[in-house]
Full PDB file with SEQRES, HELIX, SHEET, SSBOND, CRYST1, ORIGX, SCALE, CONECT and MASTER records, all heavy atoms in Angstrom:
SEQRES   1 A   41  THR VAL VAL ASP GLU VAL LYS THR ASN LYS ILE SER PRO          
SEQRES   2 A   41  ALA THR GLY VAL ALA PHE THR LEU GLY ASP SER GLY ASP          
SEQRES   3 A   41  THR PHE THR VAL PRO SER GLY ALA THR ILE THR ASN SER          
SEQRES   4 A   41  GLY THR                                                      
CRYST1    1.000    1.000    1.000  90.00  90.00  90.00 P 1           1          
ORIGX1      1.000000  0.000000  0.000000        0.00000                         
ORIGX2      0.000000  1.000000  0.000000        0.00000                         
ORIGX3      0.000000  0.000000  1.000000        0.00000                         
SCALE1      1.000000  0.000000  0.000000        0.00000                         
SCALE2      0.000000  1.000000  0.000000        0.00000                         
SCALE3      0.000000  0.000000  1.000000        0.00000                         
ATOM      1  N   THR A   1      83.071 125.369 106.079  1.00  0.00           N  
ATOM      2  CA  THR A   1      81.820 124.779 106.550  1.00  0.00           C  
ATOM      3  C   THR A   1      81.046 124.200 105.376  1.00  0.00           C  
ATOM      4  O   THR A   1      80.800 124.879 104.385  1.00  0.00           O  
ATOM      5  CB  THR A   1      80.950 125.837 107.264  1.00  0.00           C  
ATOM      6  OG1 THR A   1      81.672 126.366 108.364  1.00  0.00           O  
ATOM      7  CG2 THR A   1      79.661 125.200 107.780  1.00  0.00           C  
ATOM      8  N   VAL A   2      80.692 122.929 105.499  1.00  0.00           N  
ATOM      9  CA  VAL A   2      79.858 122.258 104.503  1.00  0.00           C  
ATOM     10  C   VAL A   2      78.570 121.853 105.202  1.00  0.00           C  
ATOM     11  O   VAL A   2      78.594 121.130 106.193  1.00  0.00           O  
ATOM     12  CB  VAL A   2      80.557 121.015 103.912  1.00  0.00           C  
ATOM     13  CG1 VAL A   2      79.647 120.330 102.910  1.00  0.00           C  
ATOM     14  CG2 VAL A   2      81.882 121.408 103.265  1.00  0.00           C  
ATOM     15  N   VAL A   3      77.445 122.334 104.732  1.00  0.00           N  
ATOM     16  CA  VAL A   3      76.176 122.084 105.420  1.00  0.00           C  
ATOM     17  C   VAL A   3      75.402 120.930 104.795  1.00  0.00           C  
ATOM     18  O   VAL A   3      74.309 120.596 105.259  1.00  0.00           O  
ATOM     19  CB  VAL A   3      75.299 123.361 105.428  1.00  0.00           C  
ATOM     20  CG1 VAL A   3      75.966 124.450 106.235  1.00  0.00           C  
ATOM     21  CG2 VAL A   3      75.014 123.854 104.008  1.00  0.00           C  
ATOM     22  N   ASP A   4      75.956 120.305 103.778  1.00  0.00           N  
ATOM     23  CA  ASP A   4      75.268 119.180 103.158  1.00  0.00           C  
ATOM     24  C   ASP A   4      76.177 117.969 103.158  1.00  0.00           C  
ATOM     25  O   ASP A   4      76.631 117.550 104.206  1.00  0.00           O  
ATOM     26  CB  ASP A   4      74.829 119.549 101.736  1.00  0.00           C  
ATOM     27  CG  ASP A   4      73.727 118.631 101.208  1.00  0.00           C  
ATOM     28  OD1 ASP A   4      73.502 117.574 101.825  1.00  0.00           O  
ATOM     29  OD2 ASP A   4      73.110 118.957 100.186  1.00  0.00           O  
ATOM     30  N   GLU A   5      76.527 117.395 102.062  1.00  0.00           N  
ATOM     31  CA  GLU A   5      77.237 116.131 101.963  1.00  0.00           C  
ATOM     32  C   GLU A   5      78.614 116.321 101.368  1.00  0.00           C  
ATOM     33  O   GLU A   5      78.799 117.052 100.394  1.00  0.00           O  
ATOM     34  CB  GLU A   5      76.431 115.150 101.097  1.00  0.00           C  
ATOM     35  CG  GLU A   5      77.053 113.773 100.987  1.00  0.00           C  
ATOM     36  CD  GLU A   5      76.195 112.820 100.163  1.00  0.00           C  
ATOM     37  OE1 GLU A   5      75.294 113.307  99.433  1.00  0.00           O  
ATOM     38  OE2 GLU A   5      76.413 111.611 100.236  1.00  0.00           O  
ATOM     39  N   VAL A   6      79.616 115.666 101.984  1.00  0.00           N  
ATOM     40  CA  VAL A   6      80.974 115.654 101.453  1.00  0.00           C  
ATOM     41  C   VAL A   6      81.297 114.233 101.008  1.00  0.00           C  
ATOM     42  O   VAL A   6      81.149 113.292 101.791  1.00  0.00           O  
ATOM     43  CB  VAL A   6      82.006 116.109 102.512  1.00  0.00           C  
ATOM     44  CG1 VAL A   6      83.418 115.972 101.962  1.00  0.00           C  
ATOM     45  CG2 VAL A   6      81.740 117.546 102.923  1.00  0.00           C  
ATOM     46  N   LYS A   7      81.740 114.050  99.795  1.00  0.00           N  
ATOM     47  CA  LYS A   7      82.113 112.738  99.282  1.00  0.00           C  
ATOM     48  C   LYS A   7      83.597 112.743  98.957  1.00  0.00           C  
ATOM     49  O   LYS A   7      84.078 113.604  98.225  1.00  0.00           O  
ATOM     50  CB  LYS A   7      81.303 112.389  98.032  1.00  0.00           C  
ATOM     51  CG  LYS A   7      79.824 112.139  98.290  1.00  0.00           C  
ATOM     52  CD  LYS A   7      79.103 111.693  97.033  1.00  0.00           C  
ATOM     53  CE  LYS A   7      77.639 111.373  97.314  1.00  0.00           C  
ATOM     54  NZ  LYS A   7      76.920 110.918  96.085  1.00  0.00           N  
ATOM     55  N   THR A   8      84.329 111.778  99.533  1.00  0.00           N  
ATOM     56  CA  THR A   8      85.764 111.662  99.279  1.00  0.00           C  
ATOM     57  C   THR A   8      86.194 110.227  99.514  1.00  0.00           C  
ATOM     58  O   THR A   8      85.542 109.489 100.256  1.00  0.00           O  
ATOM     59  CB  THR A   8      86.568 112.611 100.191  1.00  0.00           C  
ATOM     60  OG1 THR A   8      87.966 112.464  99.905  1.00  0.00           O  
ATOM     61  CG2 THR A   8      86.323 112.293 101.666  1.00  0.00           C  
ATOM     62  N   ASN A   9      87.285 109.818  98.898  1.00  0.00           N  
ATOM     63  CA  ASN A   9      87.791 108.463  99.073  1.00  0.00           C  
ATOM     64  C   ASN A   9      88.780 108.350 100.220  1.00  0.00           C  
ATOM     65  O   ASN A   9      89.081 107.251 100.678  1.00  0.00           O  
ATOM     66  CB  ASN A   9      88.456 107.970  97.783  1.00  0.00           C  
ATOM     67  CG  ASN A   9      87.446 107.747  96.664  1.00  0.00           C  
ATOM     68  OD1 ASN A   9      86.325 107.320  96.921  1.00  0.00           O  
ATOM     69  ND2 ASN A   9      87.835 108.058  95.443  1.00  0.00           N  
ATOM     70  N   LYS A  10      89.282 109.480 100.720  1.00  0.00           N  
ATOM     71  CA  LYS A  10      90.275 109.413 101.775  1.00  0.00           C  
ATOM     72  C   LYS A  10      90.376 110.751 102.491  1.00  0.00           C  
ATOM     73  O   LYS A  10      90.320 111.807 101.861  1.00  0.00           O  
ATOM     74  CB  LYS A  10      91.648 109.033 101.197  1.00  0.00           C  
ATOM     75  CG  LYS A  10      92.739 108.860 102.237  1.00  0.00           C  
ATOM     76  CD  LYS A  10      94.058 108.442 101.564  1.00  0.00           C  
ATOM     77  CE  LYS A  10      95.155 108.270 102.611  1.00  0.00           C  
ATOM     78  NZ  LYS A  10      96.459 107.891 101.982  1.00  0.00           N  
ATOM     79  N   ILE A  11      90.514 110.693 103.809  1.00  0.00           N  
ATOM     80  CA  ILE A  11      90.781 111.880 104.615  1.00  0.00           C  
ATOM     81  C   ILE A  11      92.067 111.632 105.383  1.00  0.00           C  
ATOM     82  O   ILE A  11      92.188 110.631 106.088  1.00  0.00           O  
ATOM     83  CB  ILE A  11      89.635 112.175 105.605  1.00  0.00           C  
ATOM     84  CG1 ILE A  11      88.323 112.403 104.848  1.00  0.00           C  
ATOM     85  CG2 ILE A  11      89.967 113.378 106.469  1.00  0.00           C  
ATOM     86  CD1 ILE A  11      87.130 112.622 105.751  1.00  0.00           C  
ATOM     87  N   SER A  12      93.043 112.518 105.235  1.00  0.00           N  
ATOM     88  CA  SER A  12      94.321 112.378 105.921  1.00  0.00           C  
ATOM     89  C   SER A  12      94.624 113.656 106.687  1.00  0.00           C  
ATOM     90  O   SER A  12      94.123 114.734 106.349  1.00  0.00           O  
ATOM     91  CB  SER A  12      95.452 112.103 104.917  1.00  0.00           C  
ATOM     92  OG  SER A  12      95.225 110.896 104.220  1.00  0.00           O  
ATOM     93  N   PRO A  13      95.447 113.577 107.756  1.00  0.00           N  
ATOM     94  CA  PRO A  13      95.813 114.788 108.492  1.00  0.00           C  
ATOM     95  C   PRO A  13      96.671 115.708 107.633  1.00  0.00           C  
ATOM     96  O   PRO A  13      97.467 115.239 106.805  1.00  0.00           O  
ATOM     97  CB  PRO A  13      96.597 114.246 109.695  1.00  0.00           C  
ATOM     98  CG  PRO A  13      97.083 112.897 109.263  1.00  0.00           C  
ATOM     99  CD  PRO A  13      96.048 112.365 108.345  1.00  0.00           C  
ATOM    100  N   ALA A  14      96.531 117.018 107.821  1.00  0.00           N  
ATOM    101  CA  ALA A  14      97.314 117.984 107.051  1.00  0.00           C  
ATOM    102  C   ALA A  14      98.789 117.891 107.399  1.00  0.00           C  
ATOM    103  O   ALA A  14      99.664 118.023 106.538  1.00  0.00           O  
ATOM    104  CB  ALA A  14      96.797 119.401 107.307  1.00  0.00           C  
ATOM    105  N   THR A  15      99.095 117.658 108.688  1.00  0.00           N  
ATOM    106  CA  THR A  15     100.470 117.485 109.137  1.00  0.00           C  
ATOM    107  C   THR A  15     100.519 116.345 110.145  1.00  0.00           C  
ATOM    108  O   THR A  15      99.539 116.058 110.829  1.00  0.00           O  
ATOM    109  CB  THR A  15     101.010 118.765 109.810  1.00  0.00           C  
ATOM    110  OG1 THR A  15     100.170 119.098 110.924  1.00  0.00           O  
ATOM    111  CG2 THR A  15     101.018 119.932 108.829  1.00  0.00           C  
ATOM    112  N   GLY A  16     101.676 115.693 110.248  1.00  0.00           N  
ATOM    113  CA  GLY A  16     101.822 114.615 111.226  1.00  0.00           C  
ATOM    114  C   GLY A  16     100.982 113.407 110.877  1.00  0.00           C  
ATOM    115  O   GLY A  16     100.644 113.161 109.725  1.00  0.00           O  
ATOM    116  N   VAL A  17     100.606 112.634 111.924  1.00  0.00           N  
ATOM    117  CA  VAL A  17      99.856 111.407 111.707  1.00  0.00           C  
ATOM    118  C   VAL A  17      98.567 111.363 112.527  1.00  0.00           C  
ATOM    119  O   VAL A  17      97.877 110.352 112.543  1.00  0.00           O  
ATOM    120  CB  VAL A  17     100.723 110.175 112.064  1.00  0.00           C  
ATOM    121  CG1 VAL A  17     101.910 110.066 111.120  1.00  0.00           C  
ATOM    122  CG2 VAL A  17     101.216 110.243 113.509  1.00  0.00           C  
ATOM    123  N   ALA A  18      98.241 112.457 113.221  1.00  0.00           N  
ATOM    124  CA  ALA A  18      97.043 112.480 114.058  1.00  0.00           C  
ATOM    125  C   ALA A  18      95.924 113.223 113.345  1.00  0.00           C  
ATOM    126  O   ALA A  18      96.139 114.283 112.751  1.00  0.00           O  
ATOM    127  CB  ALA A  18      97.342 113.143 115.401  1.00  0.00           C  
ATOM    128  N   PHE A  19      94.733 112.653 113.417  1.00  0.00           N  
ATOM    129  CA  PHE A  19      93.574 113.252 112.752  1.00  0.00           C  
ATOM    130  C   PHE A  19      92.424 113.308 113.759  1.00  0.00           C  
ATOM    131  O   PHE A  19      92.088 112.305 114.381  1.00  0.00           O  
ATOM    132  CB  PHE A  19      93.184 112.413 111.529  1.00  0.00           C  
ATOM    133  CG  PHE A  19      91.924 112.867 110.854  1.00  0.00           C  
ATOM    134  CD1 PHE A  19      91.899 114.023 110.103  1.00  0.00           C  
ATOM    135  CD2 PHE A  19      90.763 112.125 110.967  1.00  0.00           C  
ATOM    136  CE1 PHE A  19      90.740 114.435 109.471  1.00  0.00           C  
ATOM    137  CE2 PHE A  19      89.591 112.529 110.347  1.00  0.00           C  
ATOM    138  CZ  PHE A  19      89.584 113.688 109.592  1.00  0.00           C  
ATOM    139  N   THR A  20      91.836 114.474 113.944  1.00  0.00           N  
ATOM    140  CA  THR A  20      90.721 114.653 114.872  1.00  0.00           C  
ATOM    141  C   THR A  20      89.429 114.824 114.096  1.00  0.00           C  
ATOM    142  O   THR A  20      89.351 115.640 113.171  1.00  0.00           O  
ATOM    143  CB  THR A  20      90.930 115.885 115.772  1.00  0.00           C  
ATOM    144  OG1 THR A  20      92.144 115.715 116.513  1.00  0.00           O  
ATOM    145  CG2 THR A  20      89.772 116.053 116.740  1.00  0.00           C  
ATOM    146  N   LEU A  21      88.427 114.041 114.471  1.00  0.00           N  
ATOM    147  CA  LEU A  21      87.133 114.107 113.810  1.00  0.00           C  
ATOM    148  C   LEU A  21      86.132 114.737 114.775  1.00  0.00           C  
ATOM    149  O   LEU A  21      85.757 114.136 115.776  1.00  0.00           O  
ATOM    150  CB  LEU A  21      86.684 112.701 113.407  1.00  0.00           C  
ATOM    151  CG  LEU A  21      85.386 112.576 112.596  1.00  0.00           C  
ATOM    152  CD1 LEU A  21      85.545 113.256 111.246  1.00  0.00           C  
ATOM    153  CD2 LEU A  21      85.017 111.111 112.409  1.00  0.00           C  
ATOM    154  N   GLY A  22      85.721 115.957 114.481  1.00  0.00           N  
ATOM    155  CA  GLY A  22      84.731 116.626 115.309  1.00  0.00           C  
ATOM    156  C   GLY A  22      85.297 117.183 116.599  1.00  0.00           C  
ATOM    157  O   GLY A  22      86.505 117.156 116.869  1.00  0.00           O  
ATOM    158  N   ASP A  23      84.390 117.712 117.430  1.00  0.00           N  
ATOM    159  CA  ASP A  23      84.744 118.310 118.708  1.00  0.00           C  
ATOM    160  C   ASP A  23      84.004 117.608 119.832  1.00  0.00           C  
ATOM    161  O   ASP A  23      83.037 116.869 119.600  1.00  0.00           O  
ATOM    162  CB  ASP A  23      84.386 119.811 118.720  1.00  0.00           C  
ATOM    163  CG  ASP A  23      85.195 120.609 117.707  1.00  0.00           C  
ATOM    164  OD1 ASP A  23      86.437 120.508 117.751  1.00  0.00           O  
ATOM    165  OD2 ASP A  23      84.586 121.313 116.869  1.00  0.00           O  
ATOM    166  N   SER A  24      84.451 117.853 121.062  1.00  0.00           N  
ATOM    167  CA  SER A  24      83.804 117.266 122.227  1.00  0.00           C  
ATOM    168  C   SER A  24      82.314 117.601 122.221  1.00  0.00           C  
ATOM    169  O   SER A  24      81.923 118.744 122.032  1.00  0.00           O  
ATOM    170  CB  SER A  24      84.451 117.806 123.506  1.00  0.00           C  
ATOM    171  OG  SER A  24      83.793 117.318 124.645  1.00  0.00           O  
ATOM    172  N   GLY A  25      81.491 116.575 122.432  1.00  0.00           N  
ATOM    173  CA  GLY A  25      80.043 116.776 122.434  1.00  0.00           C  
ATOM    174  C   GLY A  25      79.381 116.470 121.109  1.00  0.00           C  
ATOM    175  O   GLY A  25      78.153 116.356 121.046  1.00  0.00           O  
ATOM    176  N   ASP A  26      80.185 116.350 120.037  1.00  0.00           N  
ATOM    177  CA  ASP A  26      79.615 116.022 118.731  1.00  0.00           C  
ATOM    178  C   ASP A  26      79.159 114.568 118.691  1.00  0.00           C  
ATOM    179  O   ASP A  26      79.673 113.723 119.423  1.00  0.00           O  
ATOM    180  CB  ASP A  26      80.636 116.252 117.615  1.00  0.00           C  
ATOM    181  CG  ASP A  26      80.932 117.731 117.384  1.00  0.00           C  
ATOM    182  OD1 ASP A  26      80.199 118.558 117.944  1.00  0.00           O  
ATOM    183  OD2 ASP A  26      81.907 118.027 116.670  1.00  0.00           O  
ATOM    184  N   THR A  27      78.196 114.275 117.841  1.00  0.00           N  
ATOM    185  CA  THR A  27      77.706 112.919 117.641  1.00  0.00           C  
ATOM    186  C   THR A  27      77.831 112.557 116.170  1.00  0.00           C  
ATOM    187  O   THR A  27      77.400 113.322 115.297  1.00  0.00           O  
ATOM    188  CB  THR A  27      76.233 112.787 118.070  1.00  0.00           C  
ATOM    189  OG1 THR A  27      76.125 113.078 119.458  1.00  0.00           O  
ATOM    190  CG2 THR A  27      75.712 111.365 117.825  1.00  0.00           C  
ATOM    191  N   PHE A  28      78.416 111.390 115.900  1.00  0.00           N  
ATOM    192  CA  PHE A  28      78.538 110.903 114.535  1.00  0.00           C  
ATOM    193  C   PHE A  28      77.693 109.639 114.399  1.00  0.00           C  
ATOM    194  O   PHE A  28      77.815 108.721 115.205  1.00  0.00           O  
ATOM    195  CB  PHE A  28      80.007 110.620 114.187  1.00  0.00           C  
ATOM    196  CG  PHE A  28      80.859 111.850 114.176  1.00  0.00           C  
ATOM    197  CD1 PHE A  28      81.495 112.272 115.335  1.00  0.00           C  
ATOM    198  CD2 PHE A  28      81.000 112.603 113.030  1.00  0.00           C  
ATOM    199  CE1 PHE A  28      82.263 113.416 115.345  1.00  0.00           C  
ATOM    200  CE2 PHE A  28      81.768 113.755 113.018  1.00  0.00           C  
ATOM    201  CZ  PHE A  28      82.406 114.162 114.184  1.00  0.00           C  
ATOM    202  N   THR A  29      76.849 109.608 113.412  1.00  0.00           N  
ATOM    203  CA  THR A  29      75.894 108.514 113.240  1.00  0.00           C  
ATOM    204  C   THR A  29      76.251 107.680 112.021  1.00  0.00           C  
ATOM    205  O   THR A  29      76.474 108.220 110.930  1.00  0.00           O  
ATOM    206  CB  THR A  29      74.463 109.064 113.088  1.00  0.00           C  
ATOM    207  OG1 THR A  29      74.129 109.836 114.249  1.00  0.00           O  
ATOM    208  CG2 THR A  29      73.461 107.931 112.933  1.00  0.00           C  
ATOM    209  N   VAL A  30      76.322 106.362 112.220  1.00  0.00           N  
ATOM    210  CA  VAL A  30      76.487 105.434 111.105  1.00  0.00           C  
ATOM    211  C   VAL A  30      75.095 104.899 110.775  1.00  0.00           C  
ATOM    212  O   VAL A  30      74.490 104.202 111.588  1.00  0.00           O  
ATOM    213  CB  VAL A  30      77.426 104.271 111.464  1.00  0.00           C  
ATOM    214  CG1 VAL A  30      77.552 103.314 110.293  1.00  0.00           C  
ATOM    215  CG2 VAL A  30      78.788 104.791 111.888  1.00  0.00           C  
ATOM    216  N   PRO A  31      74.550 105.228 109.615  1.00  0.00           N  
ATOM    217  CA  PRO A  31      73.165 104.845 109.310  1.00  0.00           C  
ATOM    218  C   PRO A  31      73.009 103.347 109.125  1.00  0.00           C  
ATOM    219  O   PRO A  31      73.980 102.625 108.881  1.00  0.00           O  
ATOM    220  CB  PRO A  31      72.872 105.603 108.002  1.00  0.00           C  
ATOM    221  CG  PRO A  31      74.209 105.803 107.373  1.00  0.00           C  
ATOM    222  CD  PRO A  31      75.176 105.980 108.507  1.00  0.00           C  
ATOM    223  N   SER A  32      71.789 102.875 109.270  1.00  0.00           N  
ATOM    224  CA  SER A  32      71.469 101.465 109.078  1.00  0.00           C  
ATOM    225  C   SER A  32      71.877 101.018 107.679  1.00  0.00           C  
ATOM    226  O   SER A  32      71.612 101.708 106.691  1.00  0.00           O  
ATOM    227  CB  SER A  32      69.964 101.244 109.270  1.00  0.00           C  
ATOM    228  OG  SER A  32      69.612  99.919 108.991  1.00  0.00           O  
ATOM    229  N   GLY A  33      72.554  99.875 107.615  1.00  0.00           N  
ATOM    230  CA  GLY A  33      72.998  99.356 106.325  1.00  0.00           C  
ATOM    231  C   GLY A  33      74.426  99.723 105.990  1.00  0.00           C  
ATOM    232  O   GLY A  33      75.031  99.112 105.096  1.00  0.00           O  
ATOM    233  N   ALA A  34      75.005 100.709 106.700  1.00  0.00           N  
ATOM    234  CA  ALA A  34      76.391 101.089 106.471  1.00  0.00           C  
ATOM    235  C   ALA A  34      77.299 100.257 107.369  1.00  0.00           C  
ATOM    236  O   ALA A  34      76.887  99.763 108.414  1.00  0.00           O  
ATOM    237  CB  ALA A  34      76.588 102.576 106.749  1.00  0.00           C  
ATOM    238  N   THR A  35      78.563 100.099 106.985  1.00  0.00           N  
ATOM    239  CA  THR A  35      79.519  99.279 107.730  1.00  0.00           C  
ATOM    240  C   THR A  35      80.814 100.047 107.929  1.00  0.00           C  
ATOM    241  O   THR A  35      81.315 100.684 106.998  1.00  0.00           O  
ATOM    242  CB  THR A  35      79.827  97.976 106.973  1.00  0.00           C  
ATOM    243  OG1 THR A  35      78.617  97.244 106.782  1.00  0.00           O  
ATOM    244  CG2 THR A  35      80.820  97.108 107.743  1.00  0.00           C  
ATOM    245  N   ILE A  36      81.353  99.992 109.160  1.00  0.00           N  
ATOM    246  CA  ILE A  36      82.675 100.527 109.431  1.00  0.00           C  
ATOM    247  C   ILE A  36      83.632  99.357 109.557  1.00  0.00           C  
ATOM    248  O   ILE A  36      83.425  98.461 110.369  1.00  0.00           O  
ATOM    249  CB  ILE A  36      82.691 101.363 110.724  1.00  0.00           C  
ATOM    250  CG1 ILE A  36      81.815 102.608 110.558  1.00  0.00           C  
ATOM    251  CG2 ILE A  36      84.117 101.758 111.088  1.00  0.00           C  
ATOM    252  CD1 ILE A  36      81.761 103.467 111.802  1.00  0.00           C  
ATOM    253  N   THR A  37      84.689  99.344 108.761  1.00  0.00           N  
ATOM    254  CA  THR A  37      85.677  98.271 108.785  1.00  0.00           C  
ATOM    255  C   THR A  37      86.973  98.787 109.380  1.00  0.00           C  
ATOM    256  O   THR A  37      87.528  99.783 108.915  1.00  0.00           O  
ATOM    257  CB  THR A  37      85.944  97.737 107.361  1.00  0.00           C  
ATOM    258  OG1 THR A  37      84.719  97.251 106.806  1.00  0.00           O  
ATOM    259  CG2 THR A  37      86.959  96.605 107.390  1.00  0.00           C  
ATOM    260  N   ASN A  38      87.458  98.113 110.430  1.00  0.00           N  
ATOM    261  CA  ASN A  38      88.716  98.490 111.065  1.00  0.00           C  
ATOM    262  C   ASN A  38      89.784  97.467 110.714  1.00  0.00           C  
ATOM    263  O   ASN A  38      89.667  96.295 111.068  1.00  0.00           O  
ATOM    264  CB  ASN A  38      88.538  98.556 112.591  1.00  0.00           C  
ATOM    265  CG  ASN A  38      89.864  98.789 113.297  1.00  0.00           C  
ATOM    266  OD1 ASN A  38      90.676  99.574 112.829  1.00  0.00           O  
ATOM    267  ND2 ASN A  38      90.074  98.103 114.403  1.00  0.00           N  
ATOM    268  N   SER A  39      90.841  97.917 110.015  1.00  0.00           N  
ATOM    269  CA  SER A  39      91.942  97.020 109.651  1.00  0.00           C  
ATOM    270  C   SER A  39      93.148  97.233 110.547  1.00  0.00           C  
ATOM    271  O   SER A  39      94.177  96.582 110.366  1.00  0.00           O  
ATOM    272  CB  SER A  39      92.343  97.251 108.184  1.00  0.00           C  
ATOM    273  OG  SER A  39      91.251  96.981 107.326  1.00  0.00           O  
ATOM    274  N   GLY A  40      93.027  98.150 111.502  1.00  0.00           N  
ATOM    275  CA  GLY A  40      94.116  98.414 112.425  1.00  0.00           C  
ATOM    276  C   GLY A  40      93.753  97.983 113.829  1.00  0.00           C  
ATOM    277  O   GLY A  40      93.101  96.968 114.036  1.00  0.00           O  
ATOM    278  N   THR A  41      94.159  98.773 114.823  1.00  0.00           N  
ATOM    279  CA  THR A  41      93.860  98.496 116.219  1.00  0.00           C  
ATOM    280  C   THR A  41      92.949  99.585 116.756  1.00  0.00           C  
ATOM    281  O   THR A  41      93.293 100.765 116.707  1.00  0.00           O  
ATOM    282  CB  THR A  41      95.149  98.447 117.064  1.00  0.00           C  
ATOM    283  OG1 THR A  41      95.990  97.418 116.544  1.00  0.00           O  
ATOM    284  CG2 THR A  41      94.831  98.158 118.516  1.00  0.00           C  
TER     285      THR A  41                                                      
MASTER        0    0    0    0    0    0    0    6  284    1    0    4          
END                                                                             
């Protein structure tokens, strides 16, 4: 559990190719001025 800020250049799944971010009901906020870039589908 990290209750403050995590800084990293990459997050990858421990095994396989599937990665889950958070749990059902969680909310993830992209703050104003930040950009999400999708290079895949």
